[in-house]
Amino acid sequence: MDDLISKILQMDETARKIDEEAQAEKIASREEVKKKRQEVYDEYLESAKAHVEQYKKSAVKASEEEWETTKKHYDSVSRKMEETFKANKEKWVDEIVSSVLKR
């Protein structure tokens, strides 16, 4: 009978150790999952930041190129207007004066 009680106590002790190990493993697994989740989040965040920075650079470049195109266009229009004014200035003044004097 003592042998049977001894075996039951030994089995109970073994079961407790297995349970403690399982609980410790469960806690360790949760910590590992938590750590891995944070790593994945950090990697995603860094990747997103890199994509945003790349997009920002390309947007700035496109904006600068568009500005240069627009500036060239308006510079060209301005030059043409200035040339037209210089070429017709005397004629226009004469026409205005003549028109005013006729009234």
N, C-alpha and C. Protein backbone atom coordinates (compact mmCIF):
# COMPACT_ATOMS: atom_id res chain seq x y z
N MET A 1 0.81 -1.18 0.00
CA MET A 1 0.00 0.00 0.00
C MET A 1 0.87 1.26 0.00
N ASP A 2 1.93 1.21 0.84
CA ASP A 2 2.85 2.36 0.86
C ASP A 2 3.49 2.56 -0.51
N ASP A 3 3.75 1.45 -1.19
CA ASP A 3 4.35 1.51 -2.52
C ASP A 3 3.39 2.18 -3.51
N LEU A 4 2.11 1.87 -3.39
CA LEU A 4 1.08 2.45 -4.26
C LEU A 4 0.95 3.94 -3.98
N ILE A 5 0.94 4.35 -2.75
CA ILE A 5 0.86 5.78 -2.38
C ILE A 5 2.10 6.50 -2.87
N SER A 6 3.25 5.86 -2.73
CA SER A 6 4.50 6.45 -3.19
C SER A 6 4.47 6.67 -4.70
N LYS A 7 3.95 5.69 -5.43
CA LYS A 7 3.85 5.82 -6.89
C LYS A 7 2.87 6.93 -7.27
N ILE A 8 1.75 7.02 -6.55
CA ILE A 8 0.77 8.08 -6.82
C ILE A 8 1.39 9.45 -6.57
N LEU A 9 2.12 9.58 -5.46
CA LEU A 9 2.78 10.86 -5.16
C LEU A 9 3.84 11.19 -6.21
N GLN A 10 4.57 10.17 -6.63
CA GLN A 10 5.60 10.37 -7.66
C GLN A 10 4.94 10.79 -8.98
N MET A 11 3.82 10.14 -9.35
CA MET A 11 3.10 10.50 -10.57
C MET A 11 2.54 11.92 -10.46
N ASP A 12 2.04 12.26 -9.26
CA ASP A 12 1.53 13.61 -9.04
C ASP A 12 2.65 14.63 -9.19
N GLU A 13 3.82 14.34 -8.65
CA GLU A 13 4.98 15.23 -8.75
C GLU A 13 5.40 15.37 -10.22
N THR A 14 5.43 14.27 -10.93
CA THR A 14 5.78 14.30 -12.36
C THR A 14 4.76 15.13 -13.14
N ALA A 15 3.48 14.93 -12.84
CA ALA A 15 2.42 15.69 -13.51
C ALA A 15 2.55 17.18 -13.22
N ARG A 16 2.89 17.53 -11.98
CA ARG A 16 3.08 18.95 -11.62
C ARG A 16 4.25 19.55 -12.40
N LYS A 17 5.35 18.78 -12.50
CA LYS A 17 6.52 19.28 -13.25
C LYS A 17 6.16 19.48 -14.72
N ILE A 18 5.43 18.51 -15.28
CA ILE A 18 5.01 18.63 -16.69
C ILE A 18 4.11 19.85 -16.86
N ASP A 19 3.20 20.06 -15.92
CA ASP A 19 2.30 21.21 -15.98
C ASP A 19 3.09 22.51 -15.86
N GLU A 20 4.05 22.57 -14.94
CA GLU A 20 4.87 23.78 -14.77
C GLU A 20 5.67 24.06 -16.03
N GLU A 21 6.24 23.01 -16.62
CA GLU A 21 7.01 23.18 -17.86
C GLU A 21 6.09 23.66 -18.98
N ALA A 22 4.89 23.11 -19.05
CA ALA A 22 3.93 23.52 -20.08
C ALA A 22 3.53 24.99 -19.88
N GLN A 23 3.31 25.38 -18.63
CA GLN A 23 2.96 26.78 -18.34
C GLN A 23 4.12 27.71 -18.72
N ALA A 24 5.34 27.30 -18.37
CA ALA A 24 6.51 28.11 -18.71
C ALA A 24 6.67 28.20 -20.23
N GLU A 25 6.43 27.10 -20.91
CA GLU A 25 6.53 27.09 -22.36
C GLU A 25 5.43 27.97 -22.97
N LYS A 26 4.25 27.92 -22.39
CA LYS A 26 3.14 28.75 -22.85
C LYS A 26 3.49 30.23 -22.72
N ILE A 27 4.04 30.60 -21.57
CA ILE A 27 4.44 32.00 -21.33
C ILE A 27 5.54 32.40 -22.31
N ALA A 28 6.52 31.52 -22.49
CA ALA A 28 7.62 31.81 -23.41
C ALA A 28 7.09 31.96 -24.84
N SER A 29 6.15 31.11 -25.21
CA SER A 29 5.57 31.19 -26.55
C SER A 29 4.83 32.51 -26.74
N ARG A 30 4.08 32.91 -25.72
CA ARG A 30 3.37 34.19 -25.81
C ARG A 30 4.35 35.35 -25.96
N GLU A 31 5.42 35.31 -25.20
CA GLU A 31 6.43 36.36 -25.30
C GLU A 31 7.08 36.37 -26.69
N GLU A 32 7.34 35.19 -27.21
CA GLU A 32 7.94 35.07 -28.55
C GLU A 32 7.00 35.62 -29.62
N VAL A 33 5.72 35.28 -29.48
CA VAL A 33 4.73 35.80 -30.43
C VAL A 33 4.65 37.32 -30.32
N LYS A 34 4.65 37.82 -29.11
CA LYS A 34 4.60 39.27 -28.89
C LYS A 34 5.83 39.95 -29.51
N LYS A 35 6.98 39.35 -29.30
CA LYS A 35 8.22 39.90 -29.85
C LYS A 35 8.19 39.86 -31.38
N LYS A 36 7.75 38.74 -31.93
CA LYS A 36 7.69 38.60 -33.39
C LYS A 36 6.69 39.58 -33.98
N ARG A 37 5.55 39.77 -33.30
CA ARG A 37 4.54 40.73 -33.76
C ARG A 37 5.15 42.14 -33.82
N GLN A 38 5.90 42.49 -32.78
CA GLN A 38 6.54 43.82 -32.76
C GLN A 38 7.57 43.95 -33.87
N GLU A 39 8.33 42.89 -34.13
CA GLU A 39 9.33 42.90 -35.21
C GLU A 39 8.65 43.10 -36.56
N VAL A 40 7.56 42.37 -36.79
CA VAL A 40 6.82 42.51 -38.05
C VAL A 40 6.27 43.92 -38.18
N TYR A 41 5.72 44.45 -37.10
CA TYR A 41 5.18 45.81 -37.11
C TYR A 41 6.29 46.82 -37.42
N ASP A 42 7.43 46.67 -36.76
CA ASP A 42 8.55 47.59 -36.98
C ASP A 42 9.05 47.52 -38.43
N GLU A 43 9.14 46.30 -38.96
CA GLU A 43 9.58 46.14 -40.34
C GLU A 43 8.59 46.79 -41.30
N TYR A 44 7.31 46.59 -41.03
CA TYR A 44 6.27 47.19 -41.87
C TYR A 44 6.35 48.72 -41.79
N LEU A 45 6.53 49.24 -40.60
CA LEU A 45 6.62 50.68 -40.41
C LEU A 45 7.82 51.26 -41.16
N GLU A 46 8.96 50.59 -41.06
CA GLU A 46 10.15 51.06 -41.78
C GLU A 46 9.93 51.01 -43.29
N SER A 47 9.31 49.94 -43.74
CA SER A 47 9.01 49.81 -45.17
C SER A 47 8.07 50.92 -45.63
N ALA A 48 7.06 51.18 -44.83
CA ALA A 48 6.10 52.24 -45.17
C ALA A 48 6.80 53.61 -45.20
N LYS A 49 7.67 53.85 -44.22
CA LYS A 49 8.42 55.11 -44.21
C LYS A 49 9.28 55.25 -45.46
N ALA A 50 9.91 54.16 -45.86
CA ALA A 50 10.76 54.18 -47.06
C ALA A 50 9.91 54.47 -48.30
N HIS A 51 8.73 53.85 -48.38
CA HIS A 51 7.85 54.10 -49.52
C HIS A 51 7.37 55.54 -49.54
N VAL A 52 7.03 56.07 -48.39
CA VAL A 52 6.57 57.46 -48.30
C VAL A 52 7.70 58.40 -48.72
N GLU A 53 8.90 58.13 -48.26
CA GLU A 53 10.05 58.98 -48.61
C GLU A 53 10.32 58.92 -50.11
N GLN A 54 10.24 57.73 -50.69
CA GLN A 54 10.45 57.58 -52.13
C GLN A 54 9.36 58.32 -52.91
N TYR A 55 8.12 58.19 -52.46
CA TYR A 55 7.02 58.89 -53.12
C TYR A 55 7.20 60.40 -53.01
N LYS A 56 7.63 60.83 -51.83
CA LYS A 56 7.84 62.26 -51.61
C LYS A 56 8.90 62.79 -52.57
N LYS A 57 10.00 62.05 -52.71
CA LYS A 57 11.07 62.48 -53.63
C LYS A 57 10.57 62.54 -55.06
N SER A 58 9.83 61.52 -55.49
CA SER A 58 9.34 61.52 -56.86
C SER A 58 8.30 62.62 -57.08
N ALA A 59 7.48 62.90 -56.06
CA ALA A 59 6.49 63.97 -56.17
C ALA A 59 7.17 65.33 -56.27
N VAL A 60 8.21 65.53 -55.48
CA VAL A 60 8.95 66.80 -55.53
C VAL A 60 9.61 66.95 -56.90
N LYS A 61 10.20 65.88 -57.39
CA LYS A 61 10.86 65.92 -58.70
C LYS A 61 9.84 66.23 -59.80
N ALA A 62 8.70 65.56 -59.77
CA ALA A 62 7.66 65.81 -60.77
C ALA A 62 7.16 67.24 -60.69
N SER A 63 7.00 67.73 -59.47
CA SER A 63 6.53 69.10 -59.28
C SER A 63 7.54 70.10 -59.83
N GLU A 64 8.82 69.85 -59.57
CA GLU A 64 9.86 70.75 -60.09
C GLU A 64 9.91 70.72 -61.61
N GLU A 65 9.76 69.53 -62.19
CA GLU A 65 9.76 69.42 -63.66
C GLU A 65 8.56 70.15 -64.25
N GLU A 66 7.41 70.01 -63.61
CA GLU A 66 6.20 70.70 -64.10
C GLU A 66 6.39 72.22 -63.99
N TRP A 67 6.99 72.66 -62.89
CA TRP A 67 7.23 74.11 -62.71
C TRP A 67 8.17 74.63 -63.80
N GLU A 68 9.22 73.88 -64.10
CA GLU A 68 10.16 74.31 -65.14
C GLU A 68 9.46 74.41 -66.50
N THR A 69 8.62 73.43 -66.81
CA THR A 69 7.88 73.46 -68.07
C THR A 69 6.95 74.68 -68.11
N THR A 70 6.24 74.92 -67.03
CA THR A 70 5.33 76.07 -66.96
C THR A 70 6.10 77.38 -67.05
N LYS A 71 7.22 77.45 -66.35
CA LYS A 71 8.05 78.68 -66.37
C LYS A 71 8.57 78.95 -67.78
N LYS A 72 9.03 77.91 -68.46
CA LYS A 72 9.52 78.08 -69.84
C LYS A 72 8.40 78.59 -70.74
N HIS A 73 7.21 78.03 -70.56
CA HIS A 73 6.07 78.46 -71.38
C HIS A 73 5.77 79.95 -71.15
N TYR A 74 5.66 80.35 -69.89
CA TYR A 74 5.35 81.75 -69.60
C TYR A 74 6.48 82.70 -69.95
N ASP A 75 7.71 82.25 -69.85
CA ASP A 75 8.84 83.07 -70.30
C ASP A 75 8.76 83.28 -71.81
N SER A 76 8.40 82.23 -72.52
CA SER A 76 8.26 82.32 -73.98
C SER A 76 7.13 83.28 -74.35
N VAL A 77 5.99 83.13 -73.68
CA VAL A 77 4.85 84.03 -73.94
C VAL A 77 5.23 85.47 -73.62
N SER A 78 5.92 85.68 -72.52
CA SER A 78 6.34 87.02 -72.13
C SER A 78 7.29 87.64 -73.16
N ARG A 79 8.23 86.83 -73.63
CA ARG A 79 9.17 87.33 -74.66
C ARG A 79 8.42 87.72 -75.93
N LYS A 80 7.48 86.87 -76.34
CA LYS A 80 6.71 87.16 -77.55
C LYS A 80 5.91 88.45 -77.39
N MET A 81 5.31 88.62 -76.20
CA MET A 81 4.54 89.86 -75.96
C MET A 81 5.46 91.07 -75.99
N GLU A 82 6.62 90.94 -75.39
CA GLU A 82 7.59 92.05 -75.38
C GLU A 82 8.05 92.38 -76.80
N GLU A 83 8.31 91.35 -77.60
CA GLU A 83 8.74 91.57 -78.98
C GLU A 83 7.62 92.22 -79.79
N THR A 84 6.39 91.74 -79.58
CA THR A 84 5.25 92.32 -80.28
C THR A 84 5.07 93.79 -79.88
N PHE A 85 5.22 94.07 -78.59
CA PHE A 85 5.10 95.45 -78.12
C PHE A 85 6.18 96.34 -78.74
N LYS A 86 7.42 95.87 -78.72
CA LYS A 86 8.52 96.67 -79.29
C LYS A 86 8.32 96.90 -80.78
N ALA A 87 7.85 95.88 -81.48
CA ALA A 87 7.66 96.00 -82.92
C ALA A 87 6.49 96.92 -83.28
N ASN A 88 5.47 96.99 -82.43
CA ASN A 88 4.27 97.75 -82.77
C ASN A 88 4.04 98.99 -81.92
N LYS A 89 4.94 99.29 -81.02
CA LYS A 89 4.76 100.39 -80.07
C LYS A 89 4.45 101.71 -80.79
N GLU A 90 5.27 102.11 -81.71
CA GLU A 90 5.08 103.39 -82.40
C GLU A 90 3.78 103.41 -83.19
N LYS A 91 3.51 102.30 -83.87
CA LYS A 91 2.28 102.20 -84.67
C LYS A 91 1.05 102.32 -83.77
N TRP A 92 1.06 101.63 -82.64
CA TRP A 92 -0.08 101.68 -81.73
C TRP A 92 -0.26 103.07 -81.12
N VAL A 93 0.83 103.70 -80.75
CA VAL A 93 0.74 105.06 -80.20
C VAL A 93 0.15 106.00 -81.24
N ASP A 94 0.65 105.88 -82.49
CA ASP A 94 0.12 106.74 -83.55
C ASP A 94 -1.38 106.49 -83.76
N GLU A 95 -1.79 105.23 -83.74
CA GLU A 95 -3.20 104.90 -83.94
C GLU A 95 -4.06 105.44 -82.81
N ILE A 96 -3.57 105.33 -81.59
CA ILE A 96 -4.33 105.83 -80.43
C ILE A 96 -4.46 107.35 -80.51
N VAL A 97 -3.33 108.02 -80.79
CA VAL A 97 -3.34 109.48 -80.89
C VAL A 97 -4.28 109.93 -82.01
N SER A 98 -4.16 109.26 -83.13
CA SER A 98 -5.01 109.61 -84.28
C SER A 98 -6.48 109.40 -83.95
N SER A 99 -6.78 108.33 -83.29
CA SER A 99 -8.18 108.03 -82.92
C SER A 99 -8.72 109.06 -81.94
N VAL A 100 -7.91 109.46 -80.99
CA VAL A 100 -8.34 110.44 -80.00
C VAL A 100 -8.53 111.81 -80.64
N LEU A 101 -7.65 112.17 -81.56
CA LEU A 101 -7.73 113.48 -82.17
C LEU A 101 -8.93 113.58 -83.15
N LYS A 102 -9.36 112.47 -83.70
CA LYS A 102 -10.49 112.44 -84.62
C LYS A 102 -11.81 112.67 -83.88
N ARG A 103 -11.88 112.44 -82.67
CA ARG A 103 -13.15 112.54 -81.93
C ARG A 103 -13.47 113.94 -81.70
